[in-house]
Amino acid sequence: MLRWVLLALLIGLCASAGEQKAKKKVKSQSLSRGWGGGINWAQNYEDGLAKMAKSQKPLMVIHHKDNCPHSKDLKKAFVADKTIQKMAKEDFIMLNVVEETSDKNLAPDGYYVPRILFVDPTMTVRTDITGKYSNHLYTYTASDIQDRE
């Protein structure tokens, strides 16, 4: 009888450990939203700022929408480029958002997607780092990634 109780206890512990591991993986995947599973993503803007202050690495904020074809194309190119994935993992605090933040500094020329802005460790939004489009300064496209190769 004692063996059966111990066996049941062991099975319960193993199942619990597996469930916790699965929950952690789901949380990590939900924060990446498909932009790179190996990257430690910030949960929200405030979390990103706190991680940036602690690490002294700049924060990259990717604004996108799940149903936007331009966002989807950029995400696909972002994930496919190993150099960008490595840089995102090692050199930046990363945040991707589908909902706009309340900080108007993250929309210096409007609310559109995809839009990427950088915040340096002094908490300054780097409006001087722009893409090539004059009507949407912070837009980057999949072709921008492919053109740099």
Protein backbone atom coordinates (compact mmCIF):
# COMPACT_ATOMS: atom_id res chain seq x y z
CA MET A 1 0.00 0.00 0.00
CA LEU A 2 2.86 2.37 0.88
CA ARG A 3 4.39 1.71 -2.55
CA TRP A 4 1.19 2.80 -4.28
CA VAL A 5 1.02 6.01 -2.24
CA LEU A 6 4.67 6.78 -3.03
CA LEU A 7 4.13 6.01 -6.72
CA ALA A 8 1.07 8.26 -6.85
CA LEU A 9 3.03 11.03 -5.09
CA LEU A 10 5.93 10.68 -7.54
CA ILE A 11 3.60 10.79 -10.55
CA GLY A 12 1.89 13.88 -9.11
CA LEU A 13 5.22 15.65 -8.61
CA CYS A 14 6.38 14.85 -12.14
CA ALA A 15 3.10 16.05 -13.63
CA SER A 16 3.29 19.27 -11.61
CA ALA A 17 6.87 19.97 -12.73
CA GLY A 18 5.94 19.39 -16.37
CA GLU A 19 2.94 21.70 -16.06
CA GLN A 20 5.09 24.50 -14.58
CA LYS A 21 7.63 24.13 -17.38
CA ALA A 22 4.85 24.28 -19.99
CA LYS A 23 3.41 27.45 -18.38
CA LYS A 24 6.83 29.14 -18.48
CA LYS A 25 7.24 28.26 -22.17
CA VAL A 26 3.77 29.61 -23.02
CA LYS A 27 4.49 32.89 -21.19
CA SER A 28 7.80 33.31 -23.04
CA GLN A 29 6.13 32.60 -26.39
CA SER A 30 3.32 35.03 -25.67
CA LEU A 31 5.80 37.84 -24.95
CA SER A 32 7.74 37.16 -28.15
CA ARG A 33 4.56 37.15 -30.25
CA GLY A 34 6.62 35.36 -32.89
CA TRP A 35 9.47 37.91 -33.05
CA GLY A 36 12.08 35.51 -31.65
CA GLY A 37 11.69 32.91 -28.94
CA GLY A 38 15.31 33.09 -27.78
CA ILE A 39 15.02 36.76 -26.85
CA ASN A 40 14.19 37.87 -23.32
CA TRP A 41 11.21 40.15 -24.04
CA ALA A 42 9.99 42.83 -21.67
CA GLN A 43 6.37 42.46 -20.56
CA ASN A 44 5.42 46.11 -21.14
CA TYR A 45 6.95 49.56 -21.57
CA GLU A 46 7.48 50.12 -17.85
CA ASP A 47 9.16 46.71 -17.51
CA GLY A 48 11.37 47.54 -20.50
CA LEU A 49 12.42 50.85 -18.97
CA ALA A 50 13.26 49.15 -15.66
CA LYS A 51 15.33 46.44 -17.40
CA MET A 52 17.06 49.11 -19.47
CA ALA A 53 17.98 51.14 -16.38
CA LYS A 54 19.38 48.04 -14.68
CA SER A 55 21.33 46.72 -17.68
CA GLN A 56 22.28 50.07 -19.30
CA LYS A 57 21.37 48.55 -22.67
CA PRO A 58 19.13 50.55 -25.01
CA LEU A 59 15.47 49.59 -25.36
CA MET A 60 14.07 48.70 -28.79
CA VAL A 61 10.31 49.10 -29.01
CA ILE A 62 8.60 47.39 -31.95
CA HIS A 63 5.02 48.55 -32.54
CA HIS A 64 3.06 46.15 -34.72
CA LYS A 65 -0.35 44.62 -35.31
CA ASP A 66 -1.06 40.92 -35.72
CA ASN A 67 -3.33 41.51 -38.72
CA CYS A 68 -1.09 44.03 -40.53
CA PRO A 69 0.59 42.54 -43.62
CA HIS A 70 3.57 44.93 -43.31
CA SER A 71 4.06 43.93 -39.66
CA LYS A 72 3.88 40.25 -40.62
CA ASP A 73 6.50 40.70 -43.35
CA LEU A 74 8.82 42.61 -41.01
CA LYS A 75 8.41 39.98 -38.30
CA LYS A 76 9.24 37.18 -40.74
CA ALA A 77 12.41 38.97 -41.92
CA PHE A 78 13.37 39.89 -38.34
CA VAL A 79 13.11 36.27 -37.20
CA ALA A 80 14.93 34.89 -40.26
CA ASP A 81 17.98 37.13 -39.84
CA LYS A 82 20.38 35.44 -37.40
CA THR A 83 22.49 38.59 -36.98
CA ILE A 84 19.47 40.64 -35.96
CA GLN A 85 18.27 37.92 -33.60
CA LYS A 86 21.70 37.78 -31.96
CA MET A 87 21.88 41.56 -31.66
CA ALA A 88 18.35 41.72 -30.22
CA LYS A 89 19.23 39.05 -27.68
CA GLU A 90 22.60 40.45 -26.61
CA ASP A 91 22.64 44.20 -27.21
CA PHE A 92 19.12 45.44 -26.48
CA ILE A 93 16.26 45.23 -24.07
CA MET A 94 13.45 44.18 -26.38
CA LEU A 95 9.75 45.04 -26.31
CA ASN A 96 7.13 44.41 -28.94
CA VAL A 97 3.70 45.88 -28.48
CA VAL A 98 0.43 45.47 -30.30
CA GLU A 99 -1.31 48.00 -28.07
CA GLU A 100 -0.06 51.56 -28.00
CA THR A 101 1.73 52.82 -24.91
CA SER A 102 0.51 55.92 -23.13
CA ASP A 103 3.90 57.61 -23.66
CA LYS A 104 3.41 60.05 -26.56
CA ASN A 105 7.20 60.16 -26.98
CA LEU A 106 6.88 56.75 -28.64
CA ALA A 107 4.75 58.24 -31.40
CA PRO A 108 6.71 61.35 -32.43
CA ASP A 109 5.21 61.40 -35.91
CA GLY A 110 1.99 59.47 -35.35
CA TYR A 111 0.51 56.10 -34.53
CA TYR A 112 1.19 53.63 -37.32
CA VAL A 113 2.64 50.16 -37.67
CA PRO A 114 5.15 48.77 -38.04
CA ARG A 115 7.15 51.37 -36.13
CA ILE A 116 10.43 50.88 -34.27
CA LEU A 117 11.82 53.36 -31.79
CA PHE A 118 14.86 53.24 -29.56
CA VAL A 119 15.23 54.56 -26.02
CA ASP A 120 18.73 55.05 -24.66
CA PRO A 121 19.69 54.30 -21.05
CA THR A 122 19.28 58.00 -20.14
CA MET A 123 15.54 57.47 -20.86
CA THR A 124 15.76 59.55 -24.05
CA VAL A 125 13.67 58.43 -27.02
CA ARG A 126 16.11 58.57 -29.93
CA THR A 127 14.06 60.43 -32.54
CA ASP A 128 17.26 60.89 -34.55
CA ILE A 129 17.34 57.17 -35.44
CA THR A 130 14.98 56.96 -38.39
CA GLY A 131 14.23 54.75 -41.34
CA LYS A 132 14.20 55.81 -44.97
CA TYR A 133 10.58 56.94 -45.27
CA SER A 134 9.82 60.66 -44.96
CA ASN A 135 6.11 60.19 -44.25
CA HIS A 136 6.63 57.59 -41.48
CA LEU A 137 10.08 58.19 -40.04
CA TYR A 138 10.19 55.10 -37.80
CA THR A 139 8.86 52.55 -40.26
CA TYR A 140 11.11 49.66 -41.19
CA THR A 141 10.16 47.00 -43.69
CA ALA A 142 11.30 43.51 -44.56
CA SER A 143 13.15 44.92 -47.57
CA ASP A 144 15.20 47.17 -45.25
CA ILE A 145 16.54 44.03 -43.58
CA GLN A 146 17.18 42.30 -46.89
CA ASP A 147 18.85 45.42 -48.38
CA ARG A 148 21.50 45.57 -45.64
CA GLU A 149 22.85 42.11 -46.53
